[in-house]
Amino acid sequence: MKKRSFILSTAIILFACISSFNFLNAQVKDSVKVSRIEIKVFHSRILSEDRKIYIQTPSYMKMNETYPVLYLLDAEAQMAMVAGQVQYMSESYPIIPGLIVVGIANTDRMRDLTPTHSILGADGKPDTSANSVGRNSGGGEKFLQFIKEELMPFIEGRYPTAPYKILAGHSLGGLTAVHAMVNHPGMFNSYIALSPSLQWDNQNLLKQVTKEFRNDKNPGQLLFFSDASEDAYFHQNIVKLDSVMRQKNIPNSRVKYSAYPGETHVSEPIKGFYDGLRFIYPDWWLPMNSAFRKTVTAQIVKEHYDKLSATYGYKVIPLQQEINQLAKAVRNDPDKIADAIALLQLNAGYYPSSSAIQELLGETYIKAGDNKNALVSYNNALKLDPANEKLKEKIKSIPQ
């Protein structure tokens, strides 16, 4: 009985005791910004309490650009680390898109991050005492309702969100991620479940995955999950999940299991969140090295972003500045000047209201010795930015 019961690791107990922050909905009660992270408090009608959320947006966020949303559980413990990783990977080391990171802090972690009510103790017997760890458990469905009906509309109404959502969690948060994937297909597109506590309630969710996760019900989802140096029973459950998911072979879905035997339950997220994001976005950015610049064409760029659009299910376009910078580098090669012009024309199609692209296109035409088209591009730029005095001077300097 003990082996089949809910086993609480020291780390789970630690996280279960993580503070209760006052936390969120419709009427924002407080808003603070610490560094790049906004902290907002508003009232949730569904949960009948205030909830706190942490929000980080890309530093380069611009009009006409949209960004996928990463919903992160256990935000009071994980937000700084995950937000930093996202910032580095999307800005300093651009291998994933810019993400809007929405961290959800806890008020009652055991209540919100457990899909069923269970009072089984570590000895496999029901704990009916007043201090039972699981006495308030089983509120996972209500918590997901809060995310879907209150938090998501709040975020989507105030930030430039793309229609792509990721749910990430660790331990009981990982359990919640797997539960959402199985029971609420379509609510999220991808899931990162680090050391999901599949032992909860005598493996209730693992049994559900085995019996109910179907090809026709759960298509096109991505799941990254992992474990660390935990006990044998914990590892056995994770391996069973891996086996079951591989047997299911869900169409258009990808699943990856990574083991971190050199990490503990608490240190694992440092590696796991990074690897999970790399799994979701394995081939996002164009390589910007010298070898790529020698062979790049506008058609290659277009095909790359068309493929991303097909993969992620919404229109993906490059960042405006990304193609501008690529064109600047390419035009330094006399044999690639036509490719630089074609890249800027492609970028102008993505961003028709951008004066900067038209101005750069004009400069590139001049570099190619085509004053006629340079004048056309400069005039197009001036129509978009009529107060630009420097642009007017450039137009005057072109021989008529």
Protein backbone atom coordinates (compact mmCIF):
# COMPACT_ATOMS: atom_id res chain seq x y z
CA MET A 1 0.00 0.00 0.00
CA LYS A 2 2.85 2.34 0.89
CA LYS A 3 4.42 2.03 -2.56
CA ARG A 4 1.15 2.90 -4.27
CA SER A 5 0.31 5.79 -1.96
CA PHE A 6 0.97 9.47 -2.19
CA ILE A 7 4.61 10.00 -1.27
CA LEU A 8 5.58 13.48 -0.12
CA SER A 9 9.20 14.31 -0.76
CA THR A 10 10.96 16.86 1.39
CA ALA A 11 10.94 19.26 -1.54
CA ILE A 12 7.18 18.98 -2.04
CA ILE A 13 6.62 19.73 1.63
CA LEU A 14 8.94 22.71 1.27
CA PHE A 15 7.01 24.07 -1.70
CA ALA A 16 3.68 23.37 0.02
CA CYS A 17 4.79 25.75 2.75
CA ILE A 18 5.79 28.55 0.35
CA SER A 19 4.14 31.72 1.50
CA SER A 20 0.60 32.80 0.83
CA PHE A 21 0.65 36.00 -1.20
CA ASN A 22 -2.53 38.01 -1.66
CA PHE A 23 -3.28 37.53 -5.29
CA LEU A 24 -6.01 38.72 -8.64
CA ASN A 25 -9.15 39.91 -11.51
CA ALA A 26 -11.24 42.55 -13.15
CA GLN A 27 -10.53 45.44 -10.78
CA VAL A 28 -6.78 45.89 -10.41
CA LYS A 29 -6.05 46.74 -6.77
CA ASP A 30 -2.33 47.36 -6.95
CA SER A 31 0.40 47.52 -9.56
CA VAL A 32 4.14 47.66 -8.91
CA LYS A 33 7.09 47.26 -11.28
CA VAL A 34 10.32 45.72 -10.01
CA SER A 35 13.07 45.82 -12.67
CA ARG A 36 11.43 44.30 -15.78
CA ILE A 37 8.72 42.49 -13.83
CA GLU A 38 5.34 44.06 -13.10
CA ILE A 39 3.48 42.84 -10.04
CA LYS A 40 -0.30 43.18 -10.16
CA VAL A 41 -2.95 42.32 -7.58
CA PHE A 42 -6.61 41.94 -8.44
CA HIS A 43 -9.64 40.08 -7.21
CA SER A 44 -10.73 36.70 -8.54
CA ARG A 45 -14.44 36.10 -8.46
CA ILE A 46 -13.99 32.39 -9.14
CA LEU A 47 -11.55 31.84 -6.29
CA SER A 48 -13.12 34.47 -4.02
CA GLU A 49 -9.78 36.01 -3.13
CA ASP A 50 -7.14 38.46 -4.26
CA ARG A 51 -4.43 36.97 -6.48
CA LYS A 52 -1.01 38.27 -7.40
CA ILE A 53 0.56 37.92 -10.82
CA TYR A 54 4.04 38.75 -12.11
CA ILE A 55 4.33 39.94 -15.72
CA GLN A 56 7.43 40.38 -17.88
CA THR A 57 7.16 41.61 -21.46
CA PRO A 58 9.88 41.72 -24.14
CA SER A 59 12.03 44.84 -23.90
CA TYR A 60 11.67 45.39 -27.66
CA MET A 61 7.87 45.09 -27.69
CA LYS A 62 6.49 47.14 -30.60
CA MET A 63 3.21 47.84 -32.37
CA ASN A 64 2.01 45.20 -34.83
CA GLU A 65 4.11 42.53 -33.12
CA THR A 66 2.57 39.82 -30.96
CA TYR A 67 4.16 37.43 -28.50
CA PRO A 68 3.35 33.95 -27.15
CA VAL A 69 2.46 33.76 -23.46
CA LEU A 70 4.20 31.54 -20.91
CA TYR A 71 1.99 30.93 -17.86
CA LEU A 72 4.25 29.97 -14.95
CA LEU A 73 3.14 28.31 -11.72
CA ASP A 74 4.87 28.82 -8.35
CA ALA A 75 5.86 32.30 -9.47
CA GLU A 76 7.11 33.44 -6.07
CA ALA A 77 9.78 30.74 -6.28
CA GLN A 78 10.40 30.49 -10.05
CA MET A 79 9.60 33.85 -11.70
CA ALA A 80 12.99 35.55 -11.41
CA MET A 81 14.84 32.53 -12.78
CA VAL A 82 12.46 31.78 -15.66
CA ALA A 83 12.01 35.43 -16.62
CA GLY A 84 15.80 35.80 -16.72
CA GLN A 85 16.19 32.73 -18.92
CA VAL A 86 13.50 33.97 -21.31
CA GLN A 87 15.09 37.41 -21.48
CA TYR A 88 18.51 35.92 -22.24
CA MET A 89 17.30 33.40 -24.82
CA SER A 90 15.10 35.89 -26.66
CA GLU A 91 17.24 39.02 -26.44
CA SER A 92 20.91 38.42 -25.53
CA TYR A 93 20.98 35.00 -27.18
CA PRO A 94 18.01 35.02 -29.55
CA ILE A 95 17.03 31.39 -30.02
CA ILE A 96 13.38 31.66 -28.93
CA PRO A 97 10.76 34.33 -29.62
CA GLY A 98 10.08 37.10 -27.18
CA LEU A 99 7.59 35.80 -24.63
CA ILE A 100 5.16 37.47 -22.29
CA VAL A 101 5.82 35.65 -19.02
CA VAL A 102 2.88 35.55 -16.62
CA GLY A 103 3.76 34.14 -13.21
CA ILE A 104 1.01 33.06 -10.84
CA ALA A 105 1.93 33.18 -7.15
CA ASN A 106 0.35 30.86 -4.61
CA THR A 107 -2.18 31.44 -1.87
CA ASP A 108 -2.97 27.78 -1.12
CA ARG A 109 -0.63 25.67 -3.22
CA MET A 110 -1.94 22.28 -2.12
CA ARG A 111 -5.49 23.37 -2.95
CA ASP A 112 -4.84 24.88 -6.37
CA LEU A 113 -2.22 22.51 -7.78
CA THR A 114 -3.92 19.19 -7.04
CA PRO A 115 -6.61 17.89 -9.44
CA THR A 116 -8.30 15.61 -6.88
CA HIS A 117 -8.88 15.59 -3.14
CA SER A 118 -6.61 13.19 -1.26
CA ILE A 119 -5.56 12.88 2.37
CA LEU A 120 -3.26 9.91 1.91
CA GLY A 121 -0.12 10.37 3.97
CA ALA A 122 3.44 9.22 3.32
CA ASP A 123 2.64 5.93 5.07
CA GLY A 124 -0.15 5.17 2.60
CA LYS A 125 -2.88 5.67 5.17
CA PRO A 126 -5.52 8.42 5.26
CA ASP A 127 -4.50 11.33 7.46
CA THR A 128 -7.67 12.68 9.04
CA SER A 129 -5.95 15.02 11.45
CA ALA A 130 -6.64 18.73 11.47
CA ASN A 131 -3.13 19.33 10.14
CA SER A 132 -3.37 16.88 7.24
CA VAL A 133 -1.33 18.20 4.30
CA GLY A 134 -4.08 17.28 1.86
CA ARG A 135 -7.04 18.58 3.82
CA ASN A 136 -7.66 21.45 1.36
CA SER A 137 -6.57 19.57 -1.76
CA GLY A 138 -8.52 19.04 -4.96
CA GLY A 139 -9.07 22.58 -6.19
CA GLY A 140 -7.18 22.13 -9.46
CA GLU A 141 -10.24 22.37 -11.71
CA LYS A 142 -11.37 25.63 -10.12
CA PHE A 143 -7.84 27.00 -10.42
CA LEU A 144 -7.71 26.21 -14.15
CA GLN A 145 -11.13 27.84 -14.52
CA PHE A 146 -9.67 30.96 -12.92
CA ILE A 147 -6.78 30.94 -15.44
CA LYS A 148 -9.07 30.41 -18.43
CA GLU A 149 -11.95 32.71 -17.56
CA GLU A 150 -10.24 35.50 -15.62
CA LEU A 151 -6.46 35.56 -16.02
CA MET A 152 -6.22 34.85 -19.76
CA PRO A 153 -8.81 37.52 -20.73
CA PHE A 154 -7.03 39.98 -18.45
CA ILE A 155 -3.66 39.35 -20.13
CA GLU A 156 -5.03 39.18 -23.68
CA GLY A 157 -6.96 42.42 -23.21
CA ARG A 158 -3.92 44.39 -22.09
CA TYR A 159 -0.90 42.92 -23.88
CA PRO A 160 -0.09 42.07 -27.54
CA THR A 161 -0.50 38.32 -27.21
CA ALA A 162 -0.09 35.78 -29.99
CA PRO A 163 -2.51 32.83 -30.00
CA TYR A 164 0.07 30.47 -28.51
CA LYS A 165 0.16 29.57 -24.83
CA ILE A 166 2.60 27.55 -22.73
CA LEU A 167 1.93 26.21 -19.24
CA ALA A 168 4.98 25.48 -17.10
CA GLY A 169 5.19 24.04 -13.62
CA HIS A 170 7.38 22.09 -11.23
CA SER A 171 6.42 19.28 -8.82
CA LEU A 172 2.73 19.86 -8.02
CA GLY A 173 2.89 22.53 -10.72
CA GLY A 174 4.08 19.83 -13.13
CA LEU A 175 1.16 17.67 -12.03
CA THR A 176 -1.18 20.57 -12.88
CA ALA A 177 0.42 20.95 -16.31
CA VAL A 178 -0.14 17.27 -17.17
CA HIS A 179 -3.68 17.46 -15.79
CA ALA A 180 -4.45 20.47 -17.99
CA MET A 181 -3.03 18.74 -21.07
CA VAL A 182 -5.18 15.65 -20.53
CA ASN A 183 -8.41 17.28 -19.38
CA HIS A 184 -8.40 20.66 -21.13
CA PRO A 185 -7.00 20.13 -24.63
CA GLY A 186 -6.71 23.40 -26.50
CA MET A 187 -6.37 25.55 -23.40
CA PHE A 188 -2.60 25.55 -23.92
CA ASN A 189 -0.43 24.58 -26.88
CA SER A 190 2.65 23.36 -25.02
CA TYR A 191 3.50 22.12 -21.55
CA ILE A 192 6.63 22.01 -19.42
CA ALA A 193 6.13 19.61 -16.50
CA LEU A 194 9.24 19.29 -14.33
CA SER A 195 9.14 16.38 -11.88
CA PRO A 196 5.33 16.18 -12.01
CA SER A 197 4.03 14.62 -8.79
CA LEU A 198 2.32 11.69 -10.50
CA GLN A 199 2.19 9.78 -7.21
CA TRP A 200 -0.62 12.10 -6.10
CA ASP A 201 -3.82 10.35 -5.02
CA ASN A 202 -2.51 6.84 -5.71
CA GLN A 203 -1.37 7.70 -9.29
CA ASN A 204 -4.83 8.95 -10.23
CA LEU A 205 -3.68 11.17 -13.10
CA LEU A 206 -1.20 8.62 -14.46
CA LYS A 207 -4.02 6.09 -14.64
CA GLN A 208 -6.18 8.64 -16.42
CA VAL A 209 -3.46 9.31 -19.00
CA THR A 210 -3.16 5.58 -19.64
CA LYS A 211 -6.89 5.04 -20.11
CA GLU A 212 -8.29 8.29 -21.50
CA PHE A 213 -5.61 10.20 -23.42
CA ARG A 214 -6.78 9.64 -27.01
CA ASN A 215 -5.65 10.53 -30.51
CA ASP A 216 -8.94 12.20 -31.43
CA LYS A 217 -9.17 14.19 -28.19
CA ASN A 218 -5.65 15.52 -27.69
CA PRO A 219 -3.96 16.27 -31.05
CA GLY A 220 -1.14 18.69 -31.75
CA GLN A 221 0.28 19.30 -28.28
CA LEU A 222 3.89 19.50 -27.09
CA LEU A 223 4.96 18.07 -23.75
CA PHE A 224 8.37 18.31 -22.13
CA PHE A 225 8.72 16.53 -18.79
CA SER A 226 11.58 15.47 -16.57
CA ASP A 227 12.76 14.21 -13.22
CA ALA A 228 15.85 14.54 -11.05
CA SER A 229 17.48 12.44 -8.35
CA GLU A 230 14.25 11.57 -6.57
CA ASP A 231 13.18 8.26 -5.03
CA ALA A 232 12.69 5.10 -7.10
CA TYR A 233 8.88 5.25 -6.96
CA PHE A 234 8.86 8.84 -8.23
CA HIS A 235 11.18 7.91 -11.11
CA GLN A 236 9.11 4.82 -11.92
CA ASN A 237 6.02 6.98 -12.44
CA ILE A 238 7.86 9.38 -14.75
CA VAL A 239 9.22 6.50 -16.83
CA LYS A 240 5.70 5.07 -17.03
CA LEU A 241 4.38 8.40 -18.32
CA ASP A 242 7.11 8.42 -20.98
CA SER A 243 6.20 4.89 -22.05
CA VAL A 244 2.47 5.65 -22.21
CA MET A 245 2.94 8.85 -24.22
CA ARG A 246 5.17 7.09 -26.74
CA GLN A 247 2.61 4.31 -27.17
CA LYS A 248 -0.19 6.84 -27.72
CA ASN A 249 1.72 8.43 -30.65
CA ILE A 250 -0.63 11.44 -30.80
CA PRO A 251 -0.74 13.02 -34.31
CA ASN A 252 1.21 16.26 -34.77
CA SER A 253 2.39 16.08 -31.17
CA ARG A 254 5.89 15.95 -29.78
CA VAL A 255 6.89 14.53 -26.42
CA LYS A 256 10.29 14.60 -24.74
CA TYR A 257 11.43 13.17 -21.42
CA SER A 258 14.73 14.33 -19.91
CA ALA A 259 16.35 12.92 -16.78
CA TYR A 260 18.66 14.97 -14.56
CA PRO A 261 20.19 12.41 -12.19
CA GLY A 262 22.86 14.90 -11.11
CA GLU A 263 20.23 17.37 -9.84
CA THR A 264 17.92 17.40 -6.85
CA HIS A 265 14.19 18.00 -6.92
CA VAL A 266 14.86 21.66 -6.08
CA SER A 267 17.83 22.34 -8.40
CA GLU A 268 16.33 20.61 -11.45
CA PRO A 269 14.21 23.59 -12.68
CA ILE A 270 17.35 25.58 -13.54
CA LYS A 271 18.12 23.11 -16.33
CA GLY A 272 14.59 21.91 -16.96
CA PHE A 273 12.94 25.20 -17.86
CA TYR A 274 15.76 26.01 -20.29
CA ASP A 275 15.58 22.61 -21.98
CA GLY A 276 11.79 22.77 -22.07
CA LEU A 277 11.81 26.08 -23.93
CA ARG A 278 14.47 24.81 -26.32
CA PHE A 279 12.27 21.76 -26.98
CA ILE A 280 9.28 23.96 -27.81
CA TYR A 281 11.39 26.28 -30.00
CA PRO A 282 14.16 24.16 -31.56
CA ASP A 283 14.59 26.15 -34.79
CA TRP A 284 13.16 29.61 -34.19
CA TRP A 285 15.70 32.22 -35.23
CA LEU A 286 17.62 32.49 -38.45
CA PRO A 287 21.37 31.97 -38.05
CA MET A 288 23.08 35.33 -38.39
CA ASN A 289 26.64 34.10 -38.94
CA SER A 290 28.83 35.05 -41.88
CA ALA A 291 28.18 31.77 -43.72
CA PHE A 292 24.42 32.38 -43.63
CA ARG A 293 24.79 35.98 -44.80
CA LYS A 294 26.67 34.78 -47.89
CA THR A 295 23.80 32.56 -49.02
CA VAL A 296 20.67 34.21 -47.60
CA THR A 297 17.89 35.38 -49.90
CA ALA A 298 14.47 36.89 -49.26
CA GLN A 299 12.92 33.58 -50.34
CA ILE A 300 14.88 31.66 -47.69
CA VAL A 301 13.68 34.08 -45.02
CA LYS A 302 10.09 33.92 -46.18
CA GLU A 303 10.10 30.11 -46.26
CA HIS A 304 11.56 30.00 -42.76
CA TYR A 305 8.77 32.12 -41.28
CA ASP A 306 6.09 30.41 -43.33
CA LYS A 307 7.27 27.13 -41.82
CA LEU A 308 7.15 28.58 -38.30
CA SER A 309 3.62 29.83 -38.97
CA ALA A 310 2.53 26.34 -40.03
CA THR A 311 4.26 24.75 -37.03
CA TYR A 312 2.83 27.05 -34.35
CA GLY A 313 -0.57 27.66 -35.90
CA TYR A 314 -0.51 31.45 -36.24
CA LYS A 315 1.14 34.05 -38.47
CA VAL A 316 4.76 34.37 -37.43
CA ILE A 317 6.80 37.22 -38.86
CA PRO A 318 10.38 38.26 -38.11
CA LEU A 319 11.17 41.13 -35.83
CA GLN A 320 11.41 44.29 -37.91
CA GLN A 321 14.91 45.11 -36.68
CA GLU A 322 16.14 41.55 -37.31
CA ILE A 323 15.68 41.80 -41.09
CA ASN A 324 16.89 45.41 -41.17
CA GLN A 325 20.14 44.36 -39.52
CA LEU A 326 20.50 41.38 -41.83
CA ALA A 327 20.02 43.60 -44.90
CA LYS A 328 22.63 46.06 -43.61
CA ALA A 329 25.14 43.24 -43.26
CA VAL A 330 24.30 41.69 -46.63
CA ARG A 331 24.50 44.94 -48.61
CA ASN A 332 28.20 45.32 -47.75
CA ASP A 333 28.88 42.58 -50.29
CA PRO A 334 28.51 44.06 -53.81
CA ASP A 335 27.35 40.69 -55.09
CA LYS A 336 24.53 40.59 -52.50
CA ILE A 337 23.12 44.12 -52.87
CA ALA A 338 20.10 42.83 -54.80
CA ASP A 339 19.42 40.35 -52.00
CA ALA A 340 19.60 43.17 -49.46
CA ILE A 341 16.99 45.12 -51.43
CA ALA A 342 14.75 42.05 -51.68
CA LEU A 343 15.06 41.47 -47.90
CA LEU A 344 13.96 45.04 -47.19
CA GLN A 345 11.08 44.77 -49.64
CA LEU A 346 9.99 41.61 -47.83
CA ASN A 347 10.27 43.40 -44.49
CA ALA A 348 8.23 46.33 -45.83
CA GLY A 349 5.49 43.83 -46.65
CA TYR A 350 5.53 42.59 -43.06
CA TYR A 351 5.57 46.16 -41.67
CA PRO A 352 3.85 48.45 -44.19
CA SER A 353 3.62 51.35 -41.72
CA SER A 354 7.34 51.44 -40.95
CA SER A 355 9.13 54.57 -42.13
CA ALA A 356 12.46 53.12 -40.97
CA ILE A 357 12.31 50.23 -43.42
CA GLN A 358 11.50 52.53 -46.36
CA GLU A 359 14.32 54.87 -45.38
CA LEU A 360 16.79 51.97 -45.14
CA LEU A 361 15.55 50.70 -48.49
CA GLY A 362 16.24 54.13 -49.98
CA GLU A 363 19.79 54.07 -48.59
CA THR A 364 20.33 50.62 -50.05
CA TYR A 365 19.09 51.69 -53.49
CA ILE A 366 21.60 54.55 -53.42
CA LYS A 367 24.34 52.07 -52.51
CA ALA A 368 23.26 50.07 -55.57
CA GLY A 369 23.40 53.20 -57.74
CA ASP A 370 19.62 53.31 -58.26
CA ASN A 371 18.67 56.91 -57.43
CA LYS A 372 15.23 56.63 -59.02
CA ASN A 373 14.01 53.88 -56.69
CA ALA A 374 15.86 55.50 -53.78
CA LEU A 375 13.74 58.61 -54.25
CA VAL A 376 10.56 56.52 -54.35
CA SER A 377 11.49 54.78 -51.10
CA TYR A 378 12.48 58.02 -49.36
CA ASN A 379 9.17 59.62 -50.37
CA ASN A 380 7.31 56.56 -49.07
CA ALA A 381 9.20 56.95 -45.80
CA LEU A 382 8.33 60.65 -45.60
CA LYS A 383 4.63 59.91 -46.07
CA LEU A 384 4.85 57.66 -43.01
CA ASP A 385 6.94 60.14 -41.02
CA PRO A 386 6.22 63.65 -42.39
CA ALA A 387 8.07 65.46 -39.57
CA ASN A 388 11.39 63.77 -40.32
CA GLU A 389 13.66 66.69 -41.27
CA LYS A 390 16.73 64.51 -41.85
CA LEU A 391 14.74 62.49 -44.35
CA LYS A 392 13.77 65.67 -46.20
CA GLU A 393 17.46 66.55 -46.48
CA LYS A 394 18.23 63.11 -47.91
CA ILE A 395 15.56 63.60 -50.56
CA LYS A 396 17.00 67.00 -51.53
CA SER A 397 20.48 65.51 -51.85
CA ILE A 398 19.42 63.05 -54.58
CA PRO A 399 20.12 64.44 -58.09
CA GLN A 400 16.84 65.04 -59.91
